[in-house]
Every structure is written in C-alpha cells, then in structure tokens.
Amino acid sequence: MRNDPAYLASLGELATLKNAIGAWFHQDAYLDFASDEDVWDDMFAGHDSEARQLLMAQIAALLQRSDDAIVGLWNSQAHSHTFASGAEARHFFGSMLEYFYGRGHVA
C-alpha cells in the first residue's frame, strides 16, 4: 500500500481515510448532501487517482480489523454522526467500499 502524504503524518495510521472522514463527514454533512452516496461521490471527486486507490486500500485494511477498531476509528473522526456498534460501522464502511468499486471510480 502506498504511504500517506507527509502532511497527514499527525493523523498516524490510515491517515488518508481519517482525513477523508473528518473532512466529508463534518457536523453539517447531511445538510450539504442528501445521502451517503452523495457524500461518497464528492469524496472521490476530491481525491486524485492515487489517493483514491489509497483510500480504498485503507478501507479494505480497516475492514480486516475488529468491530471495536472500526467503530472506534469512525467515532473518533466523524462529526456528522456516531455508530452505536461495530457491526453498524463495518456495514457502513463495507457499503462505502462497494459503492466506490461499483461506480467505477477505480482509476
């Protein structure tokens, strides 16, 4: 997997994913966007091809972890909403990754 950009070093591991969550799932995200799919489309439009590949690889890597790790990452980075369970967060990230692949956003 490609390394995160140096300017994201302060976010630590999975920095590209953490940055995307924090930037797109801000407190007003669902005032700015009508659906998760709208957020995801804008998120991909905001990344170049290499960053998209890295973002998808980091989501896939996160999905290999425990439910607690997944919900912990989401709830620490997102400001739009929290998930009550790891299973719920896992489903969300899985749907996001599936959406990215299904929309043909892999360049």
Protein backbone atom coordinates (compact mmCIF):
# COMPACT_ATOMS: atom_id res chain seq x y z
CA MET A 1 0.00 0.00 0.00
CA ARG A 2 1.25 3.49 -0.87
CA ASN A 3 2.22 5.75 2.01
CA ASP A 4 0.06 8.58 3.25
CA PRO A 5 1.15 12.10 2.26
CA ALA A 6 3.59 13.69 4.70
CA TYR A 7 1.16 16.49 5.56
CA LEU A 8 -1.17 13.89 7.14
CA ALA A 9 1.53 12.40 9.39
CA SER A 10 -0.08 13.78 12.54
CA LEU A 11 -3.11 11.52 11.94
CA GLY A 12 -1.00 8.37 12.19
CA GLU A 13 -2.04 5.07 10.66
CA LEU A 14 -4.79 5.15 8.00
CA ALA A 15 -4.32 8.91 7.75
CA THR A 16 -5.87 9.30 4.30
CA LEU A 17 -9.04 7.56 5.47
CA LYS A 18 -9.15 9.51 8.73
CA ASN A 19 -8.69 12.78 6.86
CA ALA A 20 -11.47 11.92 4.40
CA ILE A 21 -13.89 11.01 7.19
CA GLY A 22 -13.15 14.20 9.09
CA ALA A 23 -13.37 16.38 6.00
CA TRP A 24 -16.53 14.96 4.45
CA PHE A 25 -18.48 13.77 7.48
CA HIS A 26 -18.43 17.12 9.29
CA GLN A 27 -21.27 18.26 11.54
CA ASP A 28 -23.26 19.71 8.62
CA ALA A 29 -22.59 16.89 6.15
CA TYR A 30 -26.22 15.86 5.88
CA LEU A 31 -27.28 19.46 5.34
CA ASP A 32 -24.81 19.70 2.45
CA PHE A 33 -25.53 16.25 0.99
CA ALA A 34 -28.80 14.36 0.51
CA SER A 35 -27.41 10.86 1.05
CA ASP A 36 -24.35 8.79 1.89
CA GLU A 37 -23.89 8.21 -1.83
CA ASP A 38 -23.73 11.97 -2.44
CA VAL A 39 -21.04 12.29 0.21
CA TRP A 40 -19.10 9.37 -1.25
CA ASP A 41 -19.28 10.82 -4.78
CA ASP A 42 -17.95 14.15 -3.55
CA MET A 43 -15.26 12.42 -1.51
CA PHE A 44 -13.98 10.66 -4.61
CA ALA A 45 -14.14 13.82 -6.69
CA GLY A 46 -11.93 15.44 -4.06
CA HIS A 47 -9.13 12.89 -4.45
CA ASP A 48 -6.82 12.15 -7.36
CA SER A 49 -6.43 8.63 -8.72
CA GLU A 50 -3.55 7.67 -6.42
CA ALA A 51 -5.32 8.99 -3.33
CA ARG A 52 -8.48 7.11 -4.35
CA GLN A 53 -6.54 3.88 -4.55
CA LEU A 54 -5.01 4.55 -1.14
CA LEU A 55 -8.38 5.45 0.36
CA MET A 56 -9.92 2.22 -0.90
CA ALA A 57 -6.94 0.16 0.29
CA GLN A 58 -7.23 1.72 3.74
CA ILE A 59 -10.96 0.96 3.94
CA ALA A 60 -10.23 -2.64 2.95
CA ALA A 61 -7.48 -2.84 5.59
CA LEU A 62 -9.79 -1.38 8.24
CA LEU A 63 -12.45 -3.98 7.41
CA GLN A 64 -9.94 -6.70 8.36
CA ARG A 65 -9.89 -5.39 11.93
CA SER A 66 -12.22 -5.93 14.86
CA ASP A 67 -15.61 -4.27 15.13
CA ASP A 68 -14.28 -2.25 18.08
CA ALA A 69 -11.41 -0.89 15.98
CA ILE A 70 -13.75 0.03 13.14
CA VAL A 71 -16.33 1.84 15.27
CA GLY A 72 -13.53 3.48 17.25
CA LEU A 73 -11.95 4.94 14.13
CA TRP A 74 -15.28 6.22 12.80
CA ASN A 75 -16.47 7.70 16.08
CA SER A 76 -13.14 9.45 16.67
CA GLN A 77 -13.01 11.08 13.22
CA ALA A 78 -16.58 11.78 12.07
CA HIS A 79 -18.58 14.74 13.33
CA SER A 80 -21.81 14.04 11.44
CA HIS A 81 -22.94 11.04 13.46
CA THR A 82 -21.67 8.15 15.53
CA PHE A 83 -22.31 4.44 15.29
CA ALA A 84 -23.61 2.51 18.29
CA SER A 85 -21.97 -0.76 17.28
CA GLY A 86 -19.00 -2.06 15.39
CA ALA A 87 -21.28 -4.13 13.18
CA GLU A 88 -23.10 -0.97 12.10
CA ALA A 89 -19.80 0.81 11.32
CA ARG A 90 -18.49 -2.28 9.48
CA HIS A 91 -21.61 -2.33 7.31
CA PHE A 92 -21.23 1.39 6.53
CA PHE A 93 -17.56 1.07 5.52
CA GLY A 94 -18.33 -2.08 3.52
CA SER A 95 -21.11 -0.27 1.69
CA MET A 96 -18.81 2.68 1.01
CA LEU A 97 -16.12 0.44 -0.45
CA GLU A 98 -18.66 -1.49 -2.52
CA TYR A 99 -20.10 1.78 -3.80
CA PHE A 100 -16.66 3.02 -4.83
CA TYR A 101 -15.98 -0.18 -6.76
CA GLY A 102 -19.47 -0.27 -8.26
CA ARG A 103 -19.31 3.29 -9.50
CA GLY A 104 -16.17 2.50 -11.44
CA HIS A 105 -14.14 5.04 -9.51
CA VAL A 106 -11.03 2.91 -9.63
CA ALA A 107 -8.68 4.64 -12.00
